[in-house]
C-alpha atoms as a PDB file:
ATOM      1  CA  MET A   1     -26.542 -44.140  71.983  1.00  0.00           C
ATOM      2  CA  LEU A   2     -25.368 -45.438  68.600  1.00  0.00           C
ATOM      3  CA  ARG A   3     -26.301 -48.727  66.972  1.00  0.00           C
ATOM      4  CA  VAL A   4     -24.847 -50.000  63.710  1.00  0.00           C
ATOM      5  CA  GLU A   5     -26.796 -52.817  62.065  1.00  0.00           C
ATOM      6  CA  ASN A   6     -25.501 -54.945  59.197  1.00  0.00           C
ATOM      7  CA  LEU A   7     -23.681 -51.977  57.681  1.00  0.00           C
ATOM      8  CA  LYS A   8     -22.158 -52.375  54.236  1.00  0.00           C
ATOM      9  CA  VAL A   9     -20.040 -49.752  52.488  1.00  0.00           C
ATOM     10  CA  HIS A  10     -18.889 -50.819  49.049  1.00  0.00           C
ATOM     11  CA  PHE A  11     -17.172 -48.716  46.393  1.00  0.00           C
ATOM     12  CA  LYS A  12     -17.539 -48.981  42.642  1.00  0.00           C
ATOM     13  CA  THR A  13     -14.110 -48.875  41.006  1.00  0.00           C
ATOM     14  CA  GLU A  14     -12.675 -49.722  37.608  1.00  0.00           C
ATOM     15  CA  LEU A  15     -11.174 -52.873  39.101  1.00  0.00           C
ATOM     16  CA  GLY A  16     -14.409 -54.043  40.720  1.00  0.00           C
ATOM     17  CA  ILE A  17     -16.451 -53.620  43.905  1.00  0.00           C
ATOM     18  CA  VAL A  18     -14.371 -52.826  47.001  1.00  0.00           C
ATOM     19  CA  LYS A  19     -16.098 -54.198  50.122  1.00  0.00           C
ATOM     20  CA  ALA A  20     -14.595 -51.717  52.590  1.00  0.00           C
ATOM     21  CA  VAL A  21     -17.184 -52.381  55.326  1.00  0.00           C
ATOM     22  CA  ASP A  22     -19.053 -55.663  55.137  1.00  0.00           C
ATOM     23  CA  ARG A  23     -21.913 -56.740  57.421  1.00  0.00           C
ATOM     24  CA  VAL A  24     -20.735 -54.757  60.455  1.00  0.00           C
ATOM     25  CA  SER A  25     -22.910 -54.548  63.577  1.00  0.00           C
ATOM     26  CA  PHE A  26     -22.154 -53.121  67.019  1.00  0.00           C
ATOM     27  CA  ASP A  27     -23.634 -50.835  69.649  1.00  0.00           C
ATOM     28  CA  LEU A  28     -22.002 -47.886  71.378  1.00  0.00           C
ATOM     29  CA  ARG A  29     -23.165 -47.290  74.936  1.00  0.00           C
ATOM     30  CA  GLU A  30     -23.541 -43.861  76.454  1.00  0.00           C
ATOM     31  CA  GLY A  31     -20.429 -42.705  78.295  1.00  0.00           C
ATOM     32  CA  GLU A  32     -18.081 -45.439  77.046  1.00  0.00           C
ATOM     33  CA  LYS A  33     -14.905 -45.291  75.004  1.00  0.00           C
ATOM     34  CA  PHE A  34     -15.368 -47.854  72.251  1.00  0.00           C
ATOM     35  CA  THR A  35     -12.306 -48.544  70.104  1.00  0.00           C
ATOM     36  CA  LEU A  36     -12.031 -50.002  66.607  1.00  0.00           C
ATOM     37  CA  ILE A  37      -8.637 -51.581  65.998  1.00  0.00           C
ATOM     38  CA  GLY A  38      -7.066 -53.439  63.101  1.00  0.00           C
ATOM     39  CA  GLU A  39      -4.427 -53.168  60.409  1.00  0.00           C
ATOM     40  CA  SER A  40      -4.390 -50.161  58.084  1.00  0.00           C
ATOM     41  CA  GLY A  41      -6.909 -50.688  55.300  1.00  0.00           C
ATOM     42  CA  SER A  42      -9.273 -52.835  57.380  1.00  0.00           C
ATOM     43  CA  GLY A  43     -12.194 -50.410  56.955  1.00  0.00           C
ATOM     44  CA  LYS A  44     -12.097 -48.537  60.276  1.00  0.00           C
ATOM     45  CA  SER A  45     -11.974 -44.978  58.899  1.00  0.00           C
ATOM     46  CA  VAL A  46     -14.540 -45.753  56.191  1.00  0.00           C
ATOM     47  CA  LEU A  47     -16.926 -46.881  58.922  1.00  0.00           C
ATOM     48  CA  ALA A  48     -16.475 -43.543  60.732  1.00  0.00           C
ATOM     49  CA  GLN A  49     -17.044 -41.613  57.503  1.00  0.00           C
ATOM     50  CA  ALA A  50     -20.249 -43.593  56.958  1.00  0.00           C
ATOM     51  CA  ILE A  51     -21.539 -42.548  60.385  1.00  0.00           C
ATOM     52  CA  LEU A  52     -20.891 -38.910  59.491  1.00  0.00           C
ATOM     53  CA  ARG A  53     -22.125 -39.373  55.900  1.00  0.00           C
ATOM     54  CA  LEU A  54     -18.838 -38.097  54.464  1.00  0.00           C
ATOM     55  CA  LEU A  55     -18.347 -40.799  51.840  1.00  0.00           C
ATOM     56  CA  PRO A  56     -17.496 -40.149  48.172  1.00  0.00           C
ATOM     57  CA  GLU A  57     -20.118 -40.432  45.445  1.00  0.00           C
ATOM     58  CA  ASN A  58     -19.040 -43.918  44.357  1.00  0.00           C
ATOM     59  CA  ALA A  59     -19.981 -45.384  47.750  1.00  0.00           C
ATOM     60  CA  ILE A  60     -22.834 -47.891  47.990  1.00  0.00           C
ATOM     61  CA  VAL A  61     -24.226 -47.946  51.527  1.00  0.00           C
ATOM     62  CA  ALA A  62     -26.738 -50.349  53.056  1.00  0.00           C
ATOM     63  CA  GLY A  63     -27.836 -51.241  56.576  1.00  0.00           C
ATOM     64  CA  LYS A  64     -28.717 -48.960  59.487  1.00  0.00           C
ATOM     65  CA  ILE A  65     -26.883 -46.434  61.660  1.00  0.00           C
ATOM     66  CA  ILE A  66     -29.209 -45.536  64.511  1.00  0.00           C
ATOM     67  CA  PHE A  67     -28.319 -42.457  66.552  1.00  0.00           C
ATOM     68  CA  LYS A  68     -30.817 -41.330  69.186  1.00  0.00           C
ATOM     69  CA  ASN A  69     -33.595 -43.323  67.487  1.00  0.00           C
ATOM     70  CA  ARG A  70     -32.893 -41.818  64.041  1.00  0.00           C
ATOM     71  CA  ASN A  71     -31.418 -43.703  61.121  1.00  0.00           C
ATOM     72  CA  ILE A  72     -28.585 -41.445  59.969  1.00  0.00           C
ATOM     73  CA  LEU A  73     -28.687 -42.997  56.504  1.00  0.00           C
ATOM     74  CA  GLU A  74     -32.233 -41.691  56.013  1.00  0.00           C
ATOM     75  CA  LEU A  75     -31.538 -38.070  57.040  1.00  0.00           C
ATOM     76  CA  SER A  76     -31.397 -35.287  54.466  1.00  0.00           C
ATOM     77  CA  GLU A  77     -28.119 -33.475  53.867  1.00  0.00           C
ATOM     78  CA  ARG A  78     -29.590 -30.420  55.601  1.00  0.00           C
ATOM     79  CA  GLU A  79     -30.361 -32.525  58.692  1.00  0.00           C
ATOM     80  CA  MET A  80     -26.847 -33.993  58.579  1.00  0.00           C
ATOM     81  CA  ARG A  81     -25.249 -30.547  58.528  1.00  0.00           C
ATOM     82  CA  LYS A  82     -27.108 -29.755  61.741  1.00  0.00           C
ATOM     83  CA  LEU A  83     -25.942 -33.024  63.279  1.00  0.00           C
ATOM     84  CA  ARG A  84     -22.238 -32.904  62.317  1.00  0.00           C
ATOM     85  CA  GLY A  85     -20.134 -30.960  64.777  1.00  0.00           C
ATOM     86  CA  LYS A  86     -23.071 -30.340  67.105  1.00  0.00           C
ATOM     87  CA  GLU A  87     -24.310 -33.804  68.118  1.00  0.00           C
ATOM     88  CA  ILE A  88     -21.568 -35.925  66.536  1.00  0.00           C
ATOM     89  CA  ALA A  89     -18.110 -34.394  66.163  1.00  0.00           C
ATOM     90  CA  TRP A  90     -15.089 -35.766  64.363  1.00  0.00           C
ATOM     91  CA  ILE A  91     -11.404 -35.482  65.188  1.00  0.00           C
ATOM     92  CA  PRO A  92      -9.764 -36.245  61.809  1.00  0.00           C
ATOM     93  CA  GLN A  93      -6.526 -38.210  61.563  1.00  0.00           C
ATOM     94  CA  SER A  94      -4.754 -35.689  59.344  1.00  0.00           C
ATOM     95  CA  GLN A  95      -3.419 -32.494  60.870  1.00  0.00           C
ATOM     96  CA  ASN A  96      -3.679 -31.089  57.348  1.00  0.00           C
ATOM     97  CA  SER A  97      -7.397 -30.773  58.121  1.00  0.00           C
ATOM     98  CA  LEU A  98      -6.503 -27.505  59.842  1.00  0.00           C
ATOM     99  CA  ASN A  99      -6.949 -24.536  57.511  1.00  0.00           C
ATOM    100  CA  PRO A 100      -3.514 -22.884  57.133  1.00  0.00           C
ATOM    101  CA  VAL A 101      -4.943 -19.384  56.532  1.00  0.00           C
ATOM    102  CA  LEU A 102      -7.268 -19.243  59.559  1.00  0.00           C
ATOM    103  CA  SER A 103      -6.235 -18.863  63.203  1.00  0.00           C
ATOM    104  CA  VAL A 104      -6.691 -21.989  65.305  1.00  0.00           C
ATOM    105  CA  GLY A 105      -8.941 -20.058  67.685  1.00  0.00           C
ATOM    106  CA  PHE A 106     -11.373 -19.153  64.920  1.00  0.00           C
ATOM    107  CA  GLN A 107     -11.384 -22.716  63.599  1.00  0.00           C
ATOM    108  CA  CYS A 108     -12.335 -23.978  67.050  1.00  0.00           C
ATOM    109  CA  ALA A 109     -14.957 -21.250  67.537  1.00  0.00           C
ATOM    110  CA  GLU A 110     -16.574 -21.790  64.140  1.00  0.00           C
ATOM    111  CA  PRO A 111     -18.780 -24.790  65.147  1.00  0.00           C
ATOM    112  CA  LEU A 112     -20.253 -22.723  67.989  1.00  0.00           C
ATOM    113  CA  ILE A 113     -20.934 -19.753  65.733  1.00  0.00           C
ATOM    114  CA  GLU A 114     -22.411 -22.000  63.028  1.00  0.00           C
ATOM    115  CA  HIS A 115     -24.623 -24.265  65.161  1.00  0.00           C
ATOM    116  CA  PHE A 116     -25.598 -22.027  68.076  1.00  0.00           C
ATOM    117  CA  LYS A 117     -25.462 -18.597  66.416  1.00  0.00           C
ATOM    118  CA  VAL A 118     -23.554 -17.187  69.395  1.00  0.00           C
ATOM    119  CA  SER A 119     -21.424 -14.065  69.192  1.00  0.00           C
ATOM    120  CA  LYS A 120     -17.757 -14.330  68.338  1.00  0.00           C
ATOM    121  CA  ARG A 121     -16.902 -13.171  71.863  1.00  0.00           C
ATOM    122  CA  ARG A 122     -18.962 -15.926  73.520  1.00  0.00           C
ATOM    123  CA  ALA A 123     -17.568 -18.520  71.144  1.00  0.00           C
ATOM    124  CA  PHE A 124     -13.986 -17.531  71.929  1.00  0.00           C
ATOM    125  CA  SER A 125     -14.751 -17.559  75.651  1.00  0.00           C
ATOM    126  CA  ARG A 126     -15.765 -21.206  75.306  1.00  0.00           C
ATOM    127  CA  VAL A 127     -12.660 -21.942  73.209  1.00  0.00           C
ATOM    128  CA  PHE A 128     -10.379 -20.409  75.858  1.00  0.00           C
ATOM    129  CA  LYS A 129     -11.880 -22.756  78.469  1.00  0.00           C
ATOM    130  CA  ILE A 130     -11.269 -25.777  76.249  1.00  0.00           C
ATOM    131  CA  PHE A 131      -7.716 -24.627  75.529  1.00  0.00           C
ATOM    132  CA  LYS A 132      -7.054 -24.387  79.263  1.00  0.00           C
ATOM    133  CA  PHE A 133      -8.500 -27.884  79.757  1.00  0.00           C
ATOM    134  CA  LEU A 134      -6.210 -29.229  77.017  1.00  0.00           C
ATOM    135  CA  GLY A 135      -3.110 -27.360  78.136  1.00  0.00           C
ATOM    136  CA  ILE A 136      -3.022 -24.788  75.314  1.00  0.00           C
ATOM    137  CA  GLU A 137      -2.268 -21.185  76.245  1.00  0.00           C
ATOM    138  CA  SER A 138      -5.254 -18.977  75.381  1.00  0.00           C
ATOM    139  CA  LYS A 139      -2.993 -16.377  73.765  1.00  0.00           C
ATOM    140  CA  LYS A 140      -2.116 -18.964  71.119  1.00  0.00           C
ATOM    141  CA  ALA A 141      -5.676 -18.879  69.809  1.00  0.00           C
ATOM    142  CA  LYS A 142      -4.580 -16.144  67.380  1.00  0.00           C
ATOM    143  CA  ASN A 143      -1.773 -18.302  66.015  1.00  0.00           C
ATOM    144  CA  TYR A 144      -1.901 -20.297  62.771  1.00  0.00           C
ATOM    145  CA  PRO A 145      -1.411 -24.067  62.405  1.00  0.00           C
ATOM    146  CA  HIS A 146       2.158 -23.793  61.100  1.00  0.00           C
ATOM    147  CA  GLN A 147       3.147 -22.165  64.398  1.00  0.00           C
ATOM    148  CA  PHE A 148       2.294 -25.343  66.368  1.00  0.00           C
ATOM    149  CA  SER A 149       4.173 -28.601  66.890  1.00  0.00           C
ATOM    150  CA  GLY A 150       2.600 -31.896  65.857  1.00  0.00           C
ATOM    151  CA  GLY A 151       1.456 -32.649  69.402  1.00  0.00           C
ATOM    152  CA  MET A 152      -0.100 -29.193  69.832  1.00  0.00           C
ATOM    153  CA  LYS A 153      -1.863 -29.452  66.471  1.00  0.00           C
ATOM    154  CA  GLN A 154      -3.417 -32.682  67.707  1.00  0.00           C
ATOM    155  CA  ARG A 155      -4.667 -30.855  70.809  1.00  0.00           C
ATOM    156  CA  VAL A 156      -6.197 -28.185  68.558  1.00  0.00           C
ATOM    157  CA  LEU A 157      -8.050 -30.883  66.591  1.00  0.00           C
ATOM    158  CA  VAL A 158      -9.392 -32.246  69.886  1.00  0.00           C
ATOM    159  CA  ALA A 159     -10.460 -28.713  70.871  1.00  0.00           C
ATOM    160  CA  MET A 160     -12.331 -28.343  67.573  1.00  0.00           C
ATOM    161  CA  GLY A 161     -14.173 -31.592  68.269  1.00  0.00           C
ATOM    162  CA  LEU A 162     -15.108 -30.567  71.804  1.00  0.00           C
ATOM    163  CA  SER A 163     -16.102 -26.949  71.133  1.00  0.00           C
ATOM    164  CA  ALA A 164     -19.821 -27.531  70.451  1.00  0.00           C
ATOM    165  CA  GLU A 165     -20.115 -30.069  73.305  1.00  0.00           C
ATOM    166  CA  PRO A 166     -21.175 -33.004  71.096  1.00  0.00           C
ATOM    167  CA  GLU A 167     -22.842 -36.066  72.540  1.00  0.00           C
ATOM    168  CA  LEU A 168     -20.616 -38.392  70.514  1.00  0.00           C
ATOM    169  CA  LEU A 169     -16.972 -37.777  69.624  1.00  0.00           C
ATOM    170  CA  ILE A 170     -15.322 -39.808  66.853  1.00  0.00           C
ATOM    171  CA  ALA A 171     -11.515 -39.756  66.924  1.00  0.00           C
ATOM    172  CA  ASP A 172      -9.797 -41.136  63.823  1.00  0.00           C
ATOM    173  CA  GLU A 173      -6.185 -42.247  64.453  1.00  0.00           C
ATOM    174  CA  PRO A 174      -5.509 -39.518  67.078  1.00  0.00           C
ATOM    175  CA  THR A 175      -1.897 -40.643  67.618  1.00  0.00           C
ATOM    176  CA  LYS A 176      -0.912 -40.928  63.954  1.00  0.00           C
ATOM    177  CA  GLY A 177       2.557 -39.518  63.268  1.00  0.00           C
ATOM    178  CA  LEU A 178       3.297 -38.706  66.926  1.00  0.00           C
ATOM    179  CA  ASP A 179       6.320 -39.895  68.901  1.00  0.00           C
ATOM    180  CA  ALA A 180       6.015 -41.870  72.134  1.00  0.00           C
ATOM    181  CA  ASN A 181       6.185 -38.783  74.362  1.00  0.00           C
ATOM    182  CA  LYS A 182       3.414 -36.976  72.471  1.00  0.00           C
ATOM    183  CA  ILE A 183       1.298 -40.127  72.405  1.00  0.00           C
ATOM    184  CA  GLY A 184       1.572 -40.223  76.199  1.00  0.00           C
ATOM    185  CA  GLN A 185       0.318 -36.634  76.345  1.00  0.00           C
ATOM    186  CA  ILE A 186      -2.641 -37.443  74.083  1.00  0.00           C
ATOM    187  CA  ILE A 187      -3.522 -40.455  76.250  1.00  0.00           C
ATOM    188  CA  LYS A 188      -3.658 -38.193  79.332  1.00  0.00           C
ATOM    189  CA  ILE A 189      -5.887 -35.723  77.476  1.00  0.00           C
ATOM    190  CA  PHE A 190      -8.303 -38.402  76.237  1.00  0.00           C
ATOM    191  CA  LYS A 191      -8.592 -39.858  79.741  1.00  0.00           C
ATOM    192  CA  LYS A 192      -9.815 -36.444  80.934  1.00  0.00           C
ATOM    193  CA  ILE A 193     -12.546 -36.214  78.279  1.00  0.00           C
ATOM    194  CA  ASN A 194     -15.867 -37.273  79.755  1.00  0.00           C
ATOM    195  CA  LYS A 195     -17.656 -38.039  76.483  1.00  0.00           C
ATOM    196  CA  THR A 196     -19.050 -41.013  74.639  1.00  0.00           C
ATOM    197  CA  MET A 197     -16.271 -41.791  72.180  1.00  0.00           C
ATOM    198  CA  LEU A 198     -15.693 -43.955  69.133  1.00  0.00           C
ATOM    199  CA  ILE A 199     -11.918 -44.221  68.752  1.00  0.00           C
ATOM    200  CA  ILE A 200     -10.292 -45.589  65.600  1.00  0.00           C
ATOM    201  CA  THR A 201      -6.677 -46.643  65.900  1.00  0.00           C
ATOM    202  CA  HIS A 202      -4.058 -49.218  64.944  1.00  0.00           C
ATOM    203  CA  ASP A 203      -2.070 -48.163  68.043  1.00  0.00           C
ATOM    204  CA  LEU A 204      -2.691 -51.036  70.458  1.00  0.00           C
ATOM    205  CA  ARG A 205      -0.981 -49.274  73.368  1.00  0.00           C
ATOM    206  CA  PHE A 206      -3.343 -46.325  72.945  1.00  0.00           C
ATOM    207  CA  ALA A 207      -6.342 -48.687  72.806  1.00  0.00           C
ATOM    208  CA  ASP A 208      -5.184 -50.555  75.912  1.00  0.00           C
ATOM    209  CA  LYS A 209      -4.852 -47.351  77.964  1.00  0.00           C
ATOM    210  CA  LEU A 210      -8.215 -45.846  76.993  1.00  0.00           C
ATOM    211  CA  SER A 211     -10.797 -48.378  75.883  1.00  0.00           C
ATOM    212  CA  ASP A 212     -13.806 -49.697  77.730  1.00  0.00           C
ATOM    213  CA  ARG A 213     -14.541 -52.101  74.883  1.00  0.00           C
ATOM    214  CA  VAL A 214     -12.636 -53.101  71.768  1.00  0.00           C
ATOM    215  CA  ALA A 215     -13.901 -54.148  68.334  1.00  0.00           C
ATOM    216  CA  VAL A 216     -11.425 -55.793  65.963  1.00  0.00           C
ATOM    217  CA  MET A 217     -11.821 -55.191  62.224  1.00  0.00           C
ATOM    218  CA  TYR A 218     -10.295 -57.385  59.540  1.00  0.00           C
ATOM    219  CA  CYS A 219     -10.849 -56.943  55.807  1.00  0.00           C
ATOM    220  CA  GLY A 220     -14.059 -54.929  56.331  1.00  0.00           C
ATOM    221  CA  GLU A 221     -15.571 -57.187  58.988  1.00  0.00           C
ATOM    222  CA  VAL A 222     -15.753 -57.008  62.780  1.00  0.00           C
ATOM    223  CA  VAL A 223     -14.326 -60.328  63.984  1.00  0.00           C
ATOM    224  CA  GLU A 224     -14.393 -59.720  67.740  1.00  0.00           C
ATOM    225  CA  ILE A 225     -15.962 -57.377  70.312  1.00  0.00           C
ATOM    226  CA  SER A 226     -14.749 -57.664  73.908  1.00  0.00           C
ATOM    227  CA  PRO A 227     -14.316 -55.614  77.068  1.00  0.00           C
ATOM    228  CA  ALA A 228     -10.823 -54.142  76.809  1.00  0.00           C
ATOM    229  CA  LYS A 229      -9.472 -55.861  79.919  1.00  0.00           C
ATOM    230  CA  ASP A 230     -10.584 -59.268  78.576  1.00  0.00           C
ATOM    231  CA  PHE A 231      -9.335 -58.566  75.066  1.00  0.00           C
ATOM    232  CA  PHE A 232      -5.801 -57.636  76.108  1.00  0.00           C
ATOM    233  CA  SER A 233      -5.521 -60.536  78.560  1.00  0.00           C
ATOM    234  CA  SER A 234      -7.236 -63.263  76.507  1.00  0.00           C
ATOM    235  CA  PRO A 235      -8.206 -62.362  72.926  1.00  0.00           C
ATOM    236  CA  LEU A 236     -10.644 -64.749  71.240  1.00  0.00           C
ATOM    237  CA  HIS A 237     -10.184 -64.531  67.473  1.00  0.00           C
ATOM    238  CA  PRO A 238      -6.953 -65.907  65.940  1.00  0.00           C
ATOM    239  CA  TYR A 239      -6.436 -62.569  64.191  1.00  0.00           C
ATOM    240  CA  SER A 240      -6.779 -60.720  67.514  1.00  0.00           C
ATOM    241  CA  LYS A 241      -4.154 -63.011  69.028  1.00  0.00           C
ATOM    242  CA  GLY A 242      -1.876 -62.350  66.072  1.00  0.00           C
ATOM    243  CA  LEU A 243      -2.235 -58.594  66.480  1.00  0.00           C
ATOM    244  CA  LEU A 244      -1.238 -58.736  70.131  1.00  0.00           C
ATOM    245  CA  ASP A 245       1.618 -61.189  69.504  1.00  0.00           C
ATOM    246  CA  SER A 246       3.066 -58.711  66.990  1.00  0.00           C
ATOM    247  CA  LEU A 247       3.724 -56.226  69.799  1.00  0.00           C
ATOM    248  CA  PRO A 248       7.367 -55.920  70.964  1.00  0.00           C
ATOM    249  CA  SER A 249       6.254 -56.582  74.538  1.00  0.00           C
ATOM    250  CA  ARG A 250       4.781 -59.934  73.436  1.00  0.00           C
ATOM    251  CA  GLY A 251       7.632 -61.236  71.313  1.00  0.00           C
ATOM    252  CA  LEU A 252       7.263 -59.240  68.082  1.00  0.00           C
ATOM    253  CA  LYS A 253       5.831 -62.150  66.066  1.00  0.00           C
ATOM    254  CA  PRO A 254       4.202 -60.753  62.917  1.00  0.00           C
ATOM    255  CA  ILE A 255       1.123 -62.361  61.389  1.00  0.00           C
ATOM    256  CA  LYS A 256       2.158 -64.359  58.350  1.00  0.00           C
ATOM    257  CA  GLY A 257       0.980 -63.209  54.927  1.00  0.00           C
ATOM    258  CA  PHE A 258      -0.925 -60.069  54.024  1.00  0.00           C
ATOM    259  CA  GLN A 259      -4.453 -58.767  54.384  1.00  0.00           C
ATOM    260  CA  PRO A 260      -6.367 -59.923  51.281  1.00  0.00           C
ATOM    261  CA  SER A 261      -7.838 -57.689  48.612  1.00  0.00           C
ATOM    262  CA  MET A 262     -11.240 -56.271  49.474  1.00  0.00           C
ATOM    263  CA  ILE A 263     -12.224 -56.795  45.832  1.00  0.00           C
ATOM    264  CA  ASP A 264     -11.396 -60.497  45.699  1.00  0.00           C
ATOM    265  CA  SER A 265     -11.256 -61.662  49.313  1.00  0.00           C
ATOM    266  CA  PRO A 266     -11.372 -65.370  50.282  1.00  0.00           C
ATOM    267  CA  LYS A 267     -14.764 -67.030  50.507  1.00  0.00           C
ATOM    268  CA  GLY A 268     -15.900 -67.870  54.007  1.00  0.00           C
ATOM    269  CA  CYS A 269     -13.595 -66.608  56.769  1.00  0.00           C
ATOM    270  CA  LYS A 270     -11.456 -63.853  55.282  1.00  0.00           C
ATOM    271  CA  PHE A 271      -8.610 -64.643  57.680  1.00  0.00           C
ATOM    272  CA  ARG A 272      -8.458 -68.371  56.948  1.00  0.00           C
ATOM    273  CA  GLU A 273      -5.511 -68.229  54.519  1.00  0.00           C
ATOM    274  CA  ARG A 274      -3.340 -66.625  57.232  1.00  0.00           C
ATOM    275  CA  CYS A 275      -4.711 -68.613  60.164  1.00  0.00           C
ATOM    276  CA  GLU A 276      -2.825 -71.554  61.685  1.00  0.00           C
ATOM    277  CA  HIS A 277      -6.110 -72.887  63.114  1.00  0.00           C
ATOM    278  CA  SER A 278      -7.967 -72.984  59.795  1.00  0.00           C
ATOM    279  CA  ILE A 279     -10.304 -75.955  59.311  1.00  0.00           C
ATOM    280  CA  GLU A 280     -12.531 -77.128  56.452  1.00  0.00           C
ATOM    281  CA  ALA A 281     -15.540 -75.247  57.867  1.00  0.00           C
ATOM    282  CA  CYS A 282     -13.663 -71.952  57.477  1.00  0.00           C
ATOM    283  CA  LYS A 283     -14.425 -72.073  53.744  1.00  0.00           C
ATOM    284  CA  LYS A 284     -17.969 -71.119  54.737  1.00  0.00           C
ATOM    285  CA  THR A 285     -18.997 -67.771  56.283  1.00  0.00           C
ATOM    286  CA  PRO A 286     -18.417 -68.085  60.057  1.00  0.00           C
ATOM    287  CA  PRO A 287     -21.261 -67.336  62.475  1.00  0.00           C
ATOM    288  CA  VAL A 288     -21.077 -64.715  65.217  1.00  0.00           C
ATOM    289  CA  ILE A 289     -20.826 -66.491  68.567  1.00  0.00           C
ATOM    290  CA  THR A 290     -21.824 -64.826  71.865  1.00  0.00           C
ATOM    291  CA  LEU A 291     -19.695 -65.685  74.891  1.00  0.00           C
ATOM    292  CA  ASN A 292     -21.048 -63.845  77.937  1.00  0.00           C
ATOM    293  CA  ASP A 293     -20.484 -60.159  77.054  1.00  0.00           C
ATOM    294  CA  ARG A 294     -18.139 -60.948  74.146  1.00  0.00           C
ATOM    295  CA  LEU A 295     -18.705 -61.625  70.437  1.00  0.00           C
ATOM    296  CA  VAL A 296     -16.453 -63.522  68.044  1.00  0.00           C
ATOM    297  CA  ARG A 297     -16.879 -64.389  64.359  1.00  0.00           C
ATOM    298  CA  CYS A 298     -15.048 -67.720  64.142  1.00  0.00           C
ATOM    299  CA  TRP A 299     -15.803 -71.375  63.347  1.00  0.00           C
ATOM    300  CA  LEU A 300     -13.533 -72.600  66.154  1.00  0.00           C
ATOM    301  CA  TYR A 301     -15.998 -71.359  68.758  1.00  0.00           C
ATOM    302  CA  ALA A 302     -19.014 -72.597  66.802  1.00  0.00           C
ATOM    303  CA  LYS A 303     -17.501 -76.104  66.647  1.00  0.00           C
ATOM    304  CA  ARG A 304     -16.545 -75.943  70.338  1.00  0.00           C
ATOM    305  CA  ARG A 305     -20.121 -75.022  71.279  1.00  0.00           C
ATOM    306  CA  GLU A 306     -21.441 -77.875  69.136  1.00  0.00           C
ATOM    307  CA  ILE A 307     -19.168 -80.358  70.944  1.00  0.00           C
ATOM    308  CA  GLU A 308     -20.224 -79.014  74.370  1.00  0.00           C
ATOM    309  CA  LYS A 309     -23.895 -79.490  73.457  1.00  0.00           C
ATOM    310  CA  ASN A 310     -23.290 -83.129  72.563  1.00  0.00           C
ATOM    311  CA  VAL A 311     -21.308 -83.966  75.707  1.00  0.00           C
END
């Protein structure tokens, strides 16, 4: 359904060029829940904004984003306005995205009114059905955002994304700022949603419960793509292993050092200065290695394959 090819999103700043997304490629299959994970600042949300063409003016974008055989980067702004909310919908990470002076019901009905030109009554009828599906009382449609708890606001954002029945739903940090109980509720809701989804999160528990496949981002690059069950049982990339080892359930061992600057990142493998497996080859850009239905950007696997060929 969606194919990203060699995508680059760089930003011009006074300090230099920020390489927020650098040479990223992946495909999103119809009906799957595909999750981007990684530390804050790794480029996940910028990638989502690029898909929706919601980047600031100082962004420099190259590559391809193919959705239903159309390159999104070549569409006019008028064509994008027709696409956003109708074919591709976004659940933003900030609950401040809700307009404080409009009822939540109207905010959820607005995409239907805008894209399908339906009456307000028909739009609200659809919204009431979604509210019921998400466990929101229909009478609360007339309420304003400040009258909802954090968990209920998150449900409203999901309702807004679902209202126009998009083919692709992008959810950006849907559990941000929620406690464990509310995160559990959001997990149950997302499991019920039968949509193709691109989920962006640093919450590994959330990713584990929901994902069909996982892509790991580090310093603007995708370093691993794996089926979720394989990723959480046997991650490939050293950074992926470090992420999982930092979980309390796995010993709470943090990755040493800090994510490098996206303006002046290390040459070659961007993780090499934090990696205990770093070798001389890591000073060069690592290749992407295919292992069955998994991908990993790492010299360790390239060297291993070279040795196997010579045996």
